[in-house]
Amino acid sequence: VRALEENVERNVQLLEARMERMEKRTEEVEKVQRESSKEIKSIMERLKAAEEAVVEFQQKCNKLERFSRRNNVRIIGRTVQKGENCVATVEKILKEKFGFDQIKVERAHPDGPRNKDSDGVPQ
């Protein structure tokens, strides 16, 4: 009977020690979880601010793009010949068709689908 009591007492002590380790581990896990929750909340707030900044920058970019196109002209429906001087062609069209005498075209380039008959030059 004495040996049985000692065995039970030893098992109880082992269980108590194990229970203490489990309680400490649980406290550590809860602490890490609380810290992680705070960090996640902070990251979510920064993400929201970044998303708002992206929307703002997209709006500004669109506004700047619209502004940059204010002085642009698009001529549609004309086939471009290979090696053609697009600036001279645009100046000629604006003079002949619209009566602009003194104009300065800074840049001109072909735009649109590729023309299969002229080595891939856009129409």
PDB file of N, CA and C in Angstrom:
ATOM      1  N   VAL A   1       0.842  -1.187   0.000  1.00  0.00           N
ATOM      2  CA  VAL A   1       0.000   0.000   0.000  1.00  0.00           C
ATOM      3  C   VAL A   1       0.888   1.252   0.000  1.00  0.00           C
ATOM      4  N   ARG A   2       1.955   1.232   0.769  1.00  0.00           N
ATOM      5  CA  ARG A   2       2.863   2.380   0.851  1.00  0.00           C
ATOM      6  C   ARG A   2       3.466   2.694  -0.533  1.00  0.00           C
ATOM      7  N   ALA A   3       3.859   1.693  -1.257  1.00  0.00           N
ATOM      8  CA  ALA A   3       4.433   1.871  -2.584  1.00  0.00           C
ATOM      9  C   ALA A   3       3.401   2.473  -3.534  1.00  0.00           C
ATOM     10  N   LEU A   4       2.161   2.056  -3.385  1.00  0.00           N
ATOM     11  CA  LEU A   4       1.086   2.591  -4.223  1.00  0.00           C
ATOM     12  C   LEU A   4       0.851   4.069  -3.926  1.00  0.00           C
ATOM     13  N   GLU A   5       0.880   4.425  -2.617  1.00  0.00           N
ATOM     14  CA  GLU A   5       0.711   5.829  -2.244  1.00  0.00           C
ATOM     15  C   GLU A   5       1.851   6.693  -2.791  1.00  0.00           C
ATOM     16  N   GLU A   6       3.091   6.193  -2.711  1.00  0.00           N
ATOM     17  CA  GLU A   6       4.239   6.926  -3.228  1.00  0.00           C
ATOM     18  C   GLU A   6       4.134   7.092  -4.756  1.00  0.00           C
ATOM     19  N   ASN A   7       3.679   6.045  -5.413  1.00  0.00           N
ATOM     20  CA  ASN A   7       3.517   6.100  -6.866  1.00  0.00           C
ATOM     21  C   ASN A   7       2.464   7.137  -7.262  1.00  0.00           C
ATOM     22  N   VAL A   8       1.346   7.158  -6.505  1.00  0.00           N
ATOM     23  CA  VAL A   8       0.284   8.126  -6.780  1.00  0.00           C
ATOM     24  C   VAL A   8       0.793   9.533  -6.497  1.00  0.00           C
ATOM     25  N   GLU A   9       1.522   9.719  -5.396  1.00  0.00           N
ATOM     26  CA  GLU A   9       2.060  11.034  -5.031  1.00  0.00           C
ATOM     27  C   GLU A   9       3.031  11.525  -6.111  1.00  0.00           C
ATOM     28  N   ARG A  10       3.892  10.658  -6.610  1.00  0.00           N
ATOM     29  CA  ARG A  10       4.852  11.017  -7.657  1.00  0.00           C
ATOM     30  C   ARG A  10       4.116  11.399  -8.950  1.00  0.00           C
ATOM     31  N   ASN A  11       3.087  10.654  -9.296  1.00  0.00           N
ATOM     32  CA  ASN A  11       2.301  10.958 -10.498  1.00  0.00           C
ATOM     33  C   ASN A  11       1.578  12.300 -10.364  1.00  0.00           C
ATOM     34  N   VAL A  12       1.085  12.585  -9.166  1.00  0.00           N
ATOM     35  CA  VAL A  12       0.418  13.867  -8.927  1.00  0.00           C
ATOM     36  C   VAL A  12       1.417  15.003  -9.078  1.00  0.00           C
ATOM     37  N   GLN A  13       2.623  14.845  -8.548  1.00  0.00           N
ATOM     38  CA  GLN A  13       3.660  15.862  -8.665  1.00  0.00           C
ATOM     39  C   GLN A  13       4.053  16.076 -10.136  1.00  0.00           C
ATOM     40  N   LEU A  14       4.186  14.984 -10.857  1.00  0.00           N
ATOM     41  CA  LEU A  14       4.497  15.089 -12.283  1.00  0.00           C
ATOM     42  C   LEU A  14       3.385  15.828 -13.035  1.00  0.00           C
ATOM     43  N   LEU A  15       2.143  15.523 -12.721  1.00  0.00           N
ATOM     44  CA  LEU A  15       1.013  16.188 -13.361  1.00  0.00           C
ATOM     45  C   LEU A  15       0.962  17.671 -13.004  1.00  0.00           C
ATOM     46  N   GLU A  16       1.262  17.984 -11.734  1.00  0.00           N
ATOM     47  CA  GLU A  16       1.275  19.388 -11.328  1.00  0.00           C
ATOM     48  C   GLU A  16       2.385  20.156 -12.056  1.00  0.00           C
ATOM     49  N   ALA A  17       3.562  19.557 -12.164  1.00  0.00           N
ATOM     50  CA  ALA A  17       4.677  20.209 -12.865  1.00  0.00           C
ATOM     51  C   ALA A  17       4.311  20.399 -14.348  1.00  0.00           C
ATOM     52  N   ARG A  18       3.704  19.366 -14.909  1.00  0.00           N
ATOM     53  CA  ARG A  18       3.280  19.466 -16.313  1.00  0.00           C
ATOM     54  C   ARG A  18       2.219  20.549 -16.478  1.00  0.00           C
ATOM     55  N   MET A  19       1.319  20.638 -15.551  1.00  0.00           N
ATOM     56  CA  MET A  19       0.251  21.645 -15.589  1.00  0.00           C
ATOM     57  C   MET A  19       0.853  23.042 -15.503  1.00  0.00           C
ATOM     58  N   GLU A  20       1.863  23.240 -14.641  1.00  0.00           N
ATOM     59  CA  GLU A  20       2.526  24.540 -14.526  1.00  0.00           C
ATOM     60  C   GLU A  20       3.196  24.920 -15.852  1.00  0.00           C
ATOM     61  N   ARG A  21       3.885  23.965 -16.486  1.00  0.00           N
ATOM     62  CA  ARG A  21       4.523  24.235 -17.785  1.00  0.00           C
ATOM     63  C   ARG A  21       3.474  24.606 -18.823  1.00  0.00           C
ATOM     64  N   MET A  22       2.369  23.917 -18.829  1.00  0.00           N
ATOM     65  CA  MET A  22       1.296  24.203 -19.781  1.00  0.00           C
ATOM     66  C   MET A  22       0.703  25.592 -19.540  1.00  0.00           C
ATOM     67  N   GLU A  23       0.535  25.964 -18.264  1.00  0.00           N
ATOM     68  CA  GLU A  23       0.010  27.290 -17.948  1.00  0.00           C
ATOM     69  C   GLU A  23       0.979  28.375 -18.406  1.00  0.00           C
ATOM     70  N   LYS A  24       2.284  28.187 -18.185  1.00  0.00           N
ATOM     71  CA  LYS A  24       3.281  29.162 -18.636  1.00  0.00           C
ATOM     72  C   LYS A  24       3.265  29.262 -20.155  1.00  0.00           C
ATOM     73  N   ARG A  25       3.198  28.121 -20.804  1.00  0.00           N
ATOM     74  CA  ARG A  25       3.166  28.104 -22.270  1.00  0.00           C
ATOM     75  C   ARG A  25       1.910  28.813 -22.778  1.00  0.00           C
ATOM     76  N   THR A  26       0.787  28.592 -22.129  1.00  0.00           N
ATOM     77  CA  THR A  26      -0.469  29.243 -22.519  1.00  0.00           C
ATOM     78  C   THR A  26      -0.343  30.760 -22.366  1.00  0.00           C
ATOM     79  N   GLU A  27       0.251  31.202 -21.250  1.00  0.00           N
ATOM     80  CA  GLU A  27       0.449  32.639 -21.039  1.00  0.00           C
ATOM     81  C   GLU A  27       1.352  33.229 -22.119  1.00  0.00           C
ATOM     82  N   GLU A  28       2.414  32.517 -22.477  1.00  0.00           N
ATOM     83  CA  GLU A  28       3.319  32.997 -23.524  1.00  0.00           C
ATOM     84  C   GLU A  28       2.590  33.104 -24.863  1.00  0.00           C
ATOM     85  N   VAL A  29       1.803  32.095 -25.185  1.00  0.00           N
ATOM     86  CA  VAL A  29       1.062  32.094 -26.449  1.00  0.00           C
ATOM     87  C   VAL A  29       0.052  33.235 -26.462  1.00  0.00           C
ATOM     88  N   GLU A  30      -0.645  33.459 -25.349  1.00  0.00           N
ATOM     89  CA  GLU A  30      -1.609  34.561 -25.278  1.00  0.00           C
ATOM     90  C   GLU A  30      -0.919  35.909 -25.430  1.00  0.00           C
ATOM     91  N   LYS A  31       0.269  36.045 -24.827  1.00  0.00           N
ATOM     92  CA  LYS A  31       1.022  37.297 -24.952  1.00  0.00           C
ATOM     93  C   LYS A  31       1.418  37.535 -26.412  1.00  0.00           C
ATOM     94  N   VAL A  32       1.934  36.520 -27.067  1.00  0.00           N
ATOM     95  CA  VAL A  32       2.320  36.636 -28.470  1.00  0.00           C
ATOM     96  C   VAL A  32       1.093  36.972 -29.322  1.00  0.00           C
ATOM     97  N   GLN A  33      -0.028  36.350 -29.010  1.00  0.00           N
ATOM     98  CA  GLN A  33      -1.264  36.600 -29.758  1.00  0.00           C
ATOM     99  C   GLN A  33      -1.710  38.042 -29.607  1.00  0.00           C
ATOM    100  N   ARG A  34      -1.634  38.599 -28.399  1.00  0.00           N
ATOM    101  CA  ARG A  34      -2.005  39.996 -28.172  1.00  0.00           C
ATOM    102  C   ARG A  34      -1.085  40.934 -28.946  1.00  0.00           C
ATOM    103  N   GLU A  35       0.216  40.672 -28.897  1.00  0.00           N
ATOM    104  CA  GLU A  35       1.181  41.500 -29.627  1.00  0.00           C
ATOM    105  C   GLU A  35       0.943  41.399 -31.132  1.00  0.00           C
ATOM    106  N   SER A  36       0.664  40.192 -31.601  1.00  0.00           N
ATOM    107  CA  SER A  36       0.395  40.003 -33.032  1.00  0.00           C
ATOM    108  C   SER A  36      -0.863  40.747 -33.447  1.00  0.00           C
ATOM    109  N   SER A  37      -1.872  40.725 -32.604  1.00  0.00           N
ATOM    110  CA  SER A  37      -3.110  41.444 -32.915  1.00  0.00           C
ATOM    111  C   SER A  37      -2.855  42.942 -33.039  1.00  0.00           C
ATOM    112  N   LYS A  38      -2.053  43.482 -32.133  1.00  0.00           N
ATOM    113  CA  LYS A  38      -1.709  44.901 -32.203  1.00  0.00           C
ATOM    114  C   LYS A  38      -0.948  45.205 -33.493  1.00  0.00           C
ATOM    115  N   GLU A  39      -0.001  44.341 -33.838  1.00  0.00           N
ATOM    116  CA  GLU A  39       0.789  44.546 -35.045  1.00  0.00           C
ATOM    117  C   GLU A  39      -0.090  44.443 -36.291  1.00  0.00           C
ATOM    118  N   ILE A  40      -0.998  43.495 -36.315  1.00  0.00           N
ATOM    119  CA  ILE A  40      -1.915  43.345 -37.456  1.00  0.00           C
ATOM    120  C   ILE A  40      -2.786  44.581 -37.595  1.00  0.00           C
ATOM    121  N   LYS A  41      -3.275  45.099 -36.478  1.00  0.00           N
ATOM    122  CA  LYS A  41      -4.092  46.308 -36.526  1.00  0.00           C
ATOM    123  C   LYS A  41      -3.297  47.479 -37.099  1.00  0.00           C
ATOM    124  N   SER A  42      -2.049  47.611 -36.664  1.00  0.00           N
ATOM    125  CA  SER A  42      -1.189  48.673 -37.169  1.00  0.00           C
ATOM    126  C   SER A  42      -0.944  48.509 -38.668  1.00  0.00           C
ATOM    127  N   ILE A  43      -0.677  47.288 -39.099  1.00  0.00           N
ATOM    128  CA  ILE A  43      -0.439  47.026 -40.522  1.00  0.00           C
ATOM    129  C   ILE A  43      -1.691  47.325 -41.331  1.00  0.00           C
ATOM    130  N   MET A  44      -2.847  46.953 -40.827  1.00  0.00           N
ATOM    131  CA  MET A  44      -4.099  47.217 -41.534  1.00  0.00           C
ATOM    132  C   MET A  44      -4.334  48.714 -41.682  1.00  0.00           C
ATOM    133  N   GLU A  45      -4.022  49.486 -40.645  1.00  0.00           N
ATOM    134  CA  GLU A  45      -4.169  50.934 -40.727  1.00  0.00           C
ATOM    135  C   GLU A  45      -3.230  51.521 -41.777  1.00  0.00           C
ATOM    136  N   ARG A  46      -1.983  51.020 -41.809  1.00  0.00           N
ATOM    137  CA  ARG A  46      -1.023  51.499 -42.812  1.00  0.00           C
ATOM    138  C   ARG A  46      -1.450  51.087 -44.211  1.00  0.00           C
ATOM    139  N   LEU A  47      -1.996  49.888 -44.336  1.00  0.00           N
ATOM    140  CA  LEU A  47      -2.476  49.426 -45.641  1.00  0.00           C
ATOM    141  C   LEU A  47      -3.623  50.292 -46.133  1.00  0.00           C
ATOM    142  N   LYS A  48      -4.533  50.630 -45.243  1.00  0.00           N
ATOM    143  CA  LYS A  48      -5.661  51.488 -45.620  1.00  0.00           C
ATOM    144  C   LYS A  48      -5.153  52.851 -46.091  1.00  0.00           C
ATOM    145  N   ALA A  49      -4.186  53.405 -45.350  1.00  0.00           N
ATOM    146  CA  ALA A  49      -3.618  54.699 -45.744  1.00  0.00           C
ATOM    147  C   ALA A  49      -2.915  54.590 -47.094  1.00  0.00           C
ATOM    148  N   ALA A  50      -2.213  53.494 -47.323  1.00  0.00           N
ATOM    149  CA  ALA A  50      -1.525  53.305 -48.604  1.00  0.00           C
ATOM    150  C   ALA A  50      -2.535  53.165 -49.739  1.00  0.00           C
ATOM    151  N   GLU A  51      -3.623  52.451 -49.497  1.00  0.00           N
ATOM    152  CA  GLU A  51      -4.657  52.300 -50.528  1.00  0.00           C
ATOM    153  C   GLU A  51      -5.284  53.652 -50.859  1.00  0.00           C
ATOM    154  N   GLU A  52      -5.520  54.467 -49.851  1.00  0.00           N
ATOM    155  CA  GLU A  52      -6.073  55.798 -50.082  1.00  0.00           C
ATOM    156  C   GLU A  52      -5.083  56.654 -50.884  1.00  0.00           C
ATOM    157  N   ALA A  53      -3.790  56.524 -50.573  1.00  0.00           N
ATOM    158  CA  ALA A  53      -2.772  57.274 -51.306  1.00  0.00           C
ATOM    159  C   ALA A  53      -2.719  56.817 -52.763  1.00  0.00           C
ATOM    160  N   VAL A  54      -2.863  55.518 -52.996  1.00  0.00           N
ATOM    161  CA  VAL A  54      -2.854  55.004 -54.367  1.00  0.00           C
ATOM    162  C   VAL A  54      -4.014  55.596 -55.154  1.00  0.00           C
ATOM    163  N   VAL A  55      -5.197  55.622 -54.551  1.00  0.00           N
ATOM    164  CA  VAL A  55      -6.363  56.200 -55.227  1.00  0.00           C
ATOM    165  C   VAL A  55      -6.101  57.672 -55.541  1.00  0.00           C
ATOM    166  N   GLU A  56      -5.557  58.384 -54.582  1.00  0.00           N
ATOM    167  CA  GLU A  56      -5.256  59.810 -54.796  1.00  0.00           C
ATOM    168  C   GLU A  56      -4.249  59.994 -55.930  1.00  0.00           C
ATOM    169  N   PHE A  57      -3.194  59.168 -55.950  1.00  0.00           N
ATOM    170  CA  PHE A  57      -2.191  59.281 -57.004  1.00  0.00           C
ATOM    171  C   PHE A  57      -2.761  58.889 -58.356  1.00  0.00           C
ATOM    172  N   GLN A  58      -3.657  57.912 -58.387  1.00  0.00           N
ATOM    173  CA  GLN A  58      -4.301  57.549 -59.651  1.00  0.00           C
ATOM    174  C   GLN A  58      -5.126  58.716 -60.180  1.00  0.00           C
ATOM    175  N   GLN A  59      -5.845  59.383 -59.295  1.00  0.00           N
ATOM    176  CA  GLN A  59      -6.647  60.534 -59.717  1.00  0.00           C
ATOM    177  C   GLN A  59      -5.749  61.657 -60.225  1.00  0.00           C
ATOM    178  N   LYS A  60      -4.645  61.913 -59.522  1.00  0.00           N
ATOM    179  CA  LYS A  60      -3.715  62.951 -59.964  1.00  0.00           C
ATOM    180  C   LYS A  60      -3.087  62.577 -61.301  1.00  0.00           C
ATOM    181  N   CYS A  61      -2.737  61.313 -61.448  1.00  0.00           N
ATOM    182  CA  CYS A  61      -2.134  60.848 -62.706  1.00  0.00           C
ATOM    183  C   CYS A  61      -3.122  61.015 -63.858  1.00  0.00           C
ATOM    184  N   ASN A  62      -4.371  60.642 -63.643  1.00  0.00           N
ATOM    185  CA  ASN A  62      -5.391  60.815 -64.679  1.00  0.00           C
ATOM    186  C   ASN A  62      -5.565  62.287 -65.043  1.00  0.00           C
ATOM    187  N   LYS A  63      -5.565  63.146 -64.027  1.00  0.00           N
ATOM    188  CA  LYS A  63      -5.705  64.582 -64.272  1.00  0.00           C
ATOM    189  C   LYS A  63      -4.529  65.097 -65.096  1.00  0.00           C
ATOM    190  N   LEU A  64      -3.307  64.699 -64.738  1.00  0.00           N
ATOM    191  CA  LEU A  64      -2.130  65.126 -65.485  1.00  0.00           C
ATOM    192  C   LEU A  64      -2.148  64.579 -66.912  1.00  0.00           C
ATOM    193  N   GLU A  65      -2.616  63.358 -67.063  1.00  0.00           N
ATOM    194  CA  GLU A  65      -2.689  62.772 -68.404  1.00  0.00           C
ATOM    195  C   GLU A  65      -3.696  63.535 -69.267  1.00  0.00           C
ATOM    196  N   ARG A  66      -4.848  63.859 -68.689  1.00  0.00           N
ATOM    197  CA  ARG A  66      -5.840  64.647 -69.431  1.00  0.00           C
ATOM    198  C   ARG A  66      -5.265  66.014 -69.793  1.00  0.00           C
ATOM    199  N   PHE A  67      -4.555  66.631 -68.863  1.00  0.00           N
ATOM    200  CA  PHE A  67      -3.948  67.941 -69.113  1.00  0.00           C
ATOM    201  C   PHE A  67      -2.915  67.848 -70.234  1.00  0.00           C
ATOM    202  N   SER A  68      -2.128  66.780 -70.230  1.00  0.00           N
ATOM    203  CA  SER A  68      -1.080  66.651 -71.245  1.00  0.00           C
ATOM    204  C   SER A  68      -1.667  66.447 -72.634  1.00  0.00           C
ATOM    205  N   ARG A  69      -2.907  65.967 -72.717  1.00  0.00           N
ATOM    206  CA  ARG A  69      -3.545  65.742 -74.018  1.00  0.00           C
ATOM    207  C   ARG A  69      -4.314  66.961 -74.515  1.00  0.00           C
ATOM    208  N   ARG A  70      -4.339  68.033 -73.784  1.00  0.00           N
ATOM    209  CA  ARG A  70      -5.122  69.206 -74.168  1.00  0.00           C
ATOM    210  C   ARG A  70      -4.736  69.759 -75.526  1.00  0.00           C
ATOM    211  N   ASN A  71      -3.465  69.780 -75.817  1.00  0.00           N
ATOM    212  CA  ASN A  71      -2.985  70.380 -77.059  1.00  0.00           C
ATOM    213  C   ASN A  71      -2.665  69.324 -78.116  1.00  0.00           C
ATOM    214  N   ASN A  72      -3.190  68.137 -77.934  1.00  0.00           N
ATOM    215  CA  ASN A  72      -2.926  67.064 -78.890  1.00  0.00           C
ATOM    216  C   ASN A  72      -4.064  66.949 -79.893  1.00  0.00           C
ATOM    217  N   VAL A  73      -3.695  66.484 -81.075  1.00  0.00           N
ATOM    218  CA  VAL A  73      -4.670  66.260 -82.142  1.00  0.00           C
ATOM    219  C   VAL A  73      -4.456  64.840 -82.638  1.00  0.00           C
ATOM    220  N   ARG A  74      -5.529  64.116 -82.837  1.00  0.00           N
ATOM    221  CA  ARG A  74      -5.440  62.770 -83.391  1.00  0.00           C
ATOM    222  C   ARG A  74      -6.136  62.783 -84.748  1.00  0.00           C
ATOM    223  N   ILE A  75      -5.410  62.360 -85.759  1.00  0.00           N
ATOM    224  CA  ILE A  75      -5.961  62.271 -87.109  1.00  0.00           C
ATOM    225  C   ILE A  75      -6.219  60.792 -87.373  1.00  0.00           C
ATOM    226  N   ILE A  76      -7.467  60.482 -87.673  1.00  0.00           N
ATOM    227  CA  ILE A  76      -7.883  59.085 -87.827  1.00  0.00           C
ATOM    228  C   ILE A  76      -8.272  58.831 -89.282  1.00  0.00           C
ATOM    229  N   GLY A  77      -8.001  57.626 -89.739  1.00  0.00           N
ATOM    230  CA  GLY A  77      -8.477  57.210 -91.044  1.00  0.00           C
ATOM    231  C   GLY A  77      -7.495  57.432 -92.177  1.00  0.00           C
ATOM    232  N   ARG A  78      -6.274  57.682 -91.865  1.00  0.00           N
ATOM    233  CA  ARG A  78      -5.266  57.917 -92.896  1.00  0.00           C
ATOM    234  C   ARG A  78      -4.212  56.828 -92.807  1.00  0.00           C
ATOM    235  N   THR A  79      -3.853  56.254 -93.938  1.00  0.00           N
ATOM    236  CA  THR A  79      -2.812  55.233 -93.985  1.00  0.00           C
ATOM    237  C   THR A  79      -1.457  55.902 -94.074  1.00  0.00           C
ATOM    238  N   VAL A  80      -0.544  55.437 -93.269  1.00  0.00           N
ATOM    239  CA  VAL A  80       0.809  55.997 -93.220  1.00  0.00           C
ATOM    240  C   VAL A  80       1.689  55.184 -94.169  1.00  0.00           C
ATOM    241  N   GLN A  81       2.464  55.893 -94.941  1.00  0.00           N
ATOM    242  CA  GLN A  81       3.409  55.239 -95.857  1.00  0.00           C
ATOM    243  C   GLN A  81       4.743  55.046 -95.126  1.00  0.00           C
ATOM    244  N   LYS A  82       5.426  53.974 -95.466  1.00  0.00           N
ATOM    245  CA  LYS A  82       6.713  53.699 -94.839  1.00  0.00           C
ATOM    246  C   LYS A  82       7.694  54.827 -95.156  1.00  0.00           C
ATOM    247  N   GLY A  83       8.368  55.341 -94.118  1.00  0.00           N
ATOM    248  CA  GLY A  83       9.347  56.410 -94.284  1.00  0.00           C
ATOM    249  C   GLY A  83       8.738  57.801 -94.371  1.00  0.00           C
ATOM    250  N   GLU A  84       7.435  57.921 -94.196  1.00  0.00           N
ATOM    251  CA  GLU A  84       6.745  59.213 -94.312  1.00  0.00           C
ATOM    252  C   GLU A  84       7.125  60.127 -93.150  1.00  0.00           C
ATOM    253  N   ASN A  85       7.265  61.436 -93.411  1.00  0.00           N
ATOM    254  CA  ASN A  85       7.549  62.436 -92.383  1.00  0.00           C
ATOM    255  C   ASN A  85       6.207  62.835 -91.770  1.00  0.00           C
ATOM    256  N   CYS A  86       5.920  62.278 -90.600  1.00  0.00           N
ATOM    257  CA  CYS A  86       4.614  62.495 -89.973  1.00  0.00           C
ATOM    258  C   CYS A  86       4.389  63.947 -89.583  1.00  0.00           C
ATOM    259  N   VAL A  87       5.427  64.654 -89.133  1.00  0.00           N
ATOM    260  CA  VAL A  87       5.286  66.065 -88.743  1.00  0.00           C
ATOM    261  C   VAL A  87       4.859  66.889 -89.953  1.00  0.00           C
ATOM    262  N   ALA A  88       5.545  66.712 -91.069  1.00  0.00           N
ATOM    263  CA  ALA A  88       5.216  67.471 -92.279  1.00  0.00           C
ATOM    264  C   ALA A  88       3.810  67.125 -92.766  1.00  0.00           C
ATOM    265  N   THR A  89       3.440  65.863 -92.677  1.00  0.00           N
ATOM    266  CA  THR A  89       2.106  65.438 -93.120  1.00  0.00           C
ATOM    267  C   THR A  89       1.022  66.077 -92.263  1.00  0.00           C
ATOM    268  N   VAL A  90       1.205  66.088 -90.956  1.00  0.00           N
ATOM    269  CA  VAL A  90       0.209  66.688 -90.058  1.00  0.00           C
ATOM    270  C   VAL A  90       0.110  68.183 -90.310  1.00  0.00           C
ATOM    271  N   GLU A  91       1.236  68.866 -90.459  1.00  0.00           N
ATOM    272  CA  GLU A  91       1.210  70.313 -90.746  1.00  0.00           C
ATOM    273  C   GLU A  91       0.455  70.578 -92.048  1.00  0.00           C
ATOM    274  N   LYS A  92       0.704  69.759 -93.056  1.00  0.00           N
ATOM    275  CA  LYS A  92       0.034  69.917 -94.345  1.00  0.00           C
ATOM    276  C   LYS A  92      -1.474  69.726 -94.196  1.00  0.00           C
ATOM    277  N   ILE A  93      -1.902  68.691 -93.477  1.00  0.00           N
ATOM    278  CA  ILE A  93      -3.342  68.435 -93.283  1.00  0.00           C
ATOM    279  C   ILE A  93      -3.990  69.590 -92.539  1.00  0.00           C
ATOM    280  N   LEU A  94      -3.343  70.076 -91.480  1.00  0.00           N
ATOM    281  CA  LEU A  94      -3.921  71.174 -90.696  1.00  0.00           C
ATOM    282  C   LEU A  94      -4.011  72.465 -91.516  1.00  0.00           C
ATOM    283  N   LYS A  95      -3.051  72.696 -92.401  1.00  0.00           N
ATOM    284  CA  LYS A  95      -3.097  73.891 -93.261  1.00  0.00           C
ATOM    285  C   LYS A  95      -4.171  73.747 -94.331  1.00  0.00           C
ATOM    286  N   GLU A  96      -4.180  72.609 -95.024  1.00  0.00           N
ATOM    287  CA  GLU A  96      -5.096  72.428 -96.156  1.00  0.00           C
ATOM    288  C   GLU A  96      -6.548  72.230 -95.718  1.00  0.00           C
ATOM    289  N   LYS A  97      -6.759  71.424 -94.720  1.00  0.00           N
ATOM    290  CA  LYS A  97      -8.134  71.062 -94.331  1.00  0.00           C
ATOM    291  C   LYS A  97      -8.758  72.044 -93.344  1.00  0.00           C
ATOM    292  N   PHE A  98      -7.928  72.662 -92.493  1.00  0.00           N
ATOM    293  CA  PHE A  98      -8.474  73.502 -91.425  1.00  0.00           C
ATOM    294  C   PHE A  98      -8.048  74.963 -91.521  1.00  0.00           C
ATOM    295  N   GLY A  99      -7.199  75.285 -92.457  1.00  0.00           N
ATOM    296  CA  GLY A  99      -6.825  76.666 -92.678  1.00  0.00           C
ATOM    297  C   GLY A  99      -5.864  77.250 -91.660  1.00  0.00           C
ATOM    298  N   PHE A 100      -5.120  76.445 -90.948  1.00  0.00           N
ATOM    299  CA  PHE A 100      -4.125  76.949 -90.008  1.00  0.00           C
ATOM    300  C   PHE A 100      -2.877  77.319 -90.788  1.00  0.00           C
ATOM    301  N   ASP A 101      -2.559  78.623 -90.781  1.00  0.00           N
ATOM    302  CA  ASP A 101      -1.405  79.077 -91.555  1.00  0.00           C
ATOM    303  C   ASP A 101      -0.101  78.962 -90.769  1.00  0.00           C
ATOM    304  N   GLN A 102      -0.097  79.448 -89.554  1.00  0.00           N
ATOM    305  CA  GLN A 102       1.125  79.457 -88.760  1.00  0.00           C
ATOM    306  C   GLN A 102       0.982  78.446 -87.624  1.00  0.00           C
ATOM    307  N   ILE A 103       1.418  77.242 -87.885  1.00  0.00           N
ATOM    308  CA  ILE A 103       1.364  76.232 -86.821  1.00  0.00           C
ATOM    309  C   ILE A 103       2.728  75.582 -86.693  1.00  0.00           C
ATOM    310  N   LYS A 104       3.001  75.096 -85.513  1.00  0.00           N
ATOM    311  CA  LYS A 104       4.248  74.395 -85.239  1.00  0.00           C
ATOM    312  C   LYS A 104       3.881  73.069 -84.594  1.00  0.00           C
ATOM    313  N   VAL A 105       4.113  71.988 -85.298  1.00  0.00           N
ATOM    314  CA  VAL A 105       3.872  70.648 -84.755  1.00  0.00           C
ATOM    315  C   VAL A 105       5.188  70.186 -84.130  1.00  0.00           C
ATOM    316  N   GLU A 106       5.145  69.916 -82.847  1.00  0.00           N
ATOM    317  CA  GLU A 106       6.361  69.483 -82.152  1.00  0.00           C
ATOM    318  C   GLU A 106       6.681  68.023 -82.422  1.00  0.00           C
ATOM    319  N   ARG A 107       5.665  67.194 -82.374  1.00  0.00           N
ATOM    320  CA  ARG A 107       5.859  65.771 -82.580  1.00  0.00           C
ATOM    321  C   ARG A 107       4.670  65.195 -83.311  1.00  0.00           C
ATOM    322  N   ALA A 108       4.921  64.161 -84.082  1.00  0.00           N
ATOM    323  CA  ALA A 108       3.851  63.418 -84.730  1.00  0.00           C
ATOM    324  C   ALA A 108       4.347  61.995 -84.930  1.00  0.00           C
ATOM    325  N   HIS A 109       3.467  61.074 -84.724  1.00  0.00           N
ATOM    326  CA  HIS A 109       3.838  59.673 -84.931  1.00  0.00           C
ATOM    327  C   HIS A 109       2.601  58.882 -85.315  1.00  0.00           C
ATOM    328  N   PRO A 110       2.809  57.791 -86.040  1.00  0.00           N
ATOM    329  CA  PRO A 110       1.661  56.973 -86.425  1.00  0.00           C
ATOM    330  C   PRO A 110       1.080  56.263 -85.214  1.00  0.00           C
ATOM    331  N   ASP A 111      -0.218  56.052 -85.253  1.00  0.00           N
ATOM    332  CA  ASP A 111      -0.916  55.415 -84.155  1.00  0.00           C
ATOM    333  C   ASP A 111      -2.013  54.547 -84.758  1.00  0.00           C
ATOM    334  N   GLY A 112      -2.330  53.472 -84.107  1.00  0.00           N
ATOM    335  CA  GLY A 112      -3.421  52.638 -84.583  1.00  0.00           C
ATOM    336  C   GLY A 112      -2.959  51.243 -84.936  1.00  0.00           C
ATOM    337  N   PRO A 113      -3.849  50.469 -85.549  1.00  0.00           N
ATOM    338  CA  PRO A 113      -3.496  49.089 -85.887  1.00  0.00           C
ATOM    339  C   PRO A 113      -2.412  49.051 -86.960  1.00  0.00           C
ATOM    340  N   ARG A 114      -1.659  47.982 -86.974  1.00  0.00           N
ATOM    341  CA  ARG A 114      -0.579  47.819 -87.934  1.00  0.00           C
ATOM    342  C   ARG A 114      -1.136  47.548 -89.342  1.00  0.00           C
ATOM    343  N   ASN A 115      -0.534  48.180 -90.332  1.00  0.00           N
ATOM    344  CA  ASN A 115      -0.934  47.997 -91.715  1.00  0.00           C
ATOM    345  C   ASN A 115      -0.166  46.804 -92.272  1.00  0.00           C
ATOM    346  N   LYS A 116      -0.861  45.782 -92.684  1.00  0.00           N
ATOM    347  CA  LYS A 116      -0.224  44.551 -93.171  1.00  0.00           C
ATOM    348  C   LYS A 116       0.502  44.764 -94.492  1.00  0.00           C
ATOM    349  N   ASP A 117       0.089  45.740 -95.284  1.00  0.00           N
ATOM    350  CA  ASP A 117       0.686  45.950 -96.612  1.00  0.00           C
ATOM    351  C   ASP A 117       1.946  46.793 -96.588  1.00  0.00           C
ATOM    352  N   SER A 118       2.238  47.453 -95.473  1.00  0.00           N
ATOM    353  CA  SER A 118       3.411  48.354 -95.461  1.00  0.00           C
ATOM    354  C   SER A 118       4.383  47.992 -94.347  1.00  0.00           C
ATOM    355  N   ASP A 119       4.711  46.744 -94.252  1.00  0.00           N
ATOM    356  CA  ASP A 119       5.720  46.247 -93.314  1.00  0.00           C
ATOM    357  C   ASP A 119       5.429  46.594 -91.859  1.00  0.00           C
ATOM    358  N   GLY A 120       4.180  46.542 -91.456  1.00  0.00           N
ATOM    359  CA  GLY A 120       3.822  46.734 -90.065  1.00  0.00           C
ATOM    360  C   GLY A 120       3.735  48.159 -89.603  1.00  0.00           C
ATOM    361  N   VAL A 121       3.777  49.155 -90.511  1.00  0.00           N
ATOM    362  CA  VAL A 121       3.638  50.554 -90.127  1.00  0.00           C
ATOM    363  C   VAL A 121       2.192  50.794 -89.730  1.00  0.00           C
ATOM    364  N   PRO A 122       1.896  51.487 -88.597  1.00  0.00           N
ATOM    365  CA  PRO A 122       0.515  51.741 -88.213  1.00  0.00           C
ATOM    366  C   PRO A 122      -0.204  52.566 -89.258  1.00  0.00           C
ATOM    367  N   GLN A 123      -1.510  52.392 -89.322  1.00  0.00           N
ATOM    368  CA  GLN A 123      -2.345  53.162 -90.264  1.00  0.00           C
ATOM    369  C   GLN A 123      -2.575  54.553 -89.730  1.00  0.00           C
TER     370      GLN A 123
END
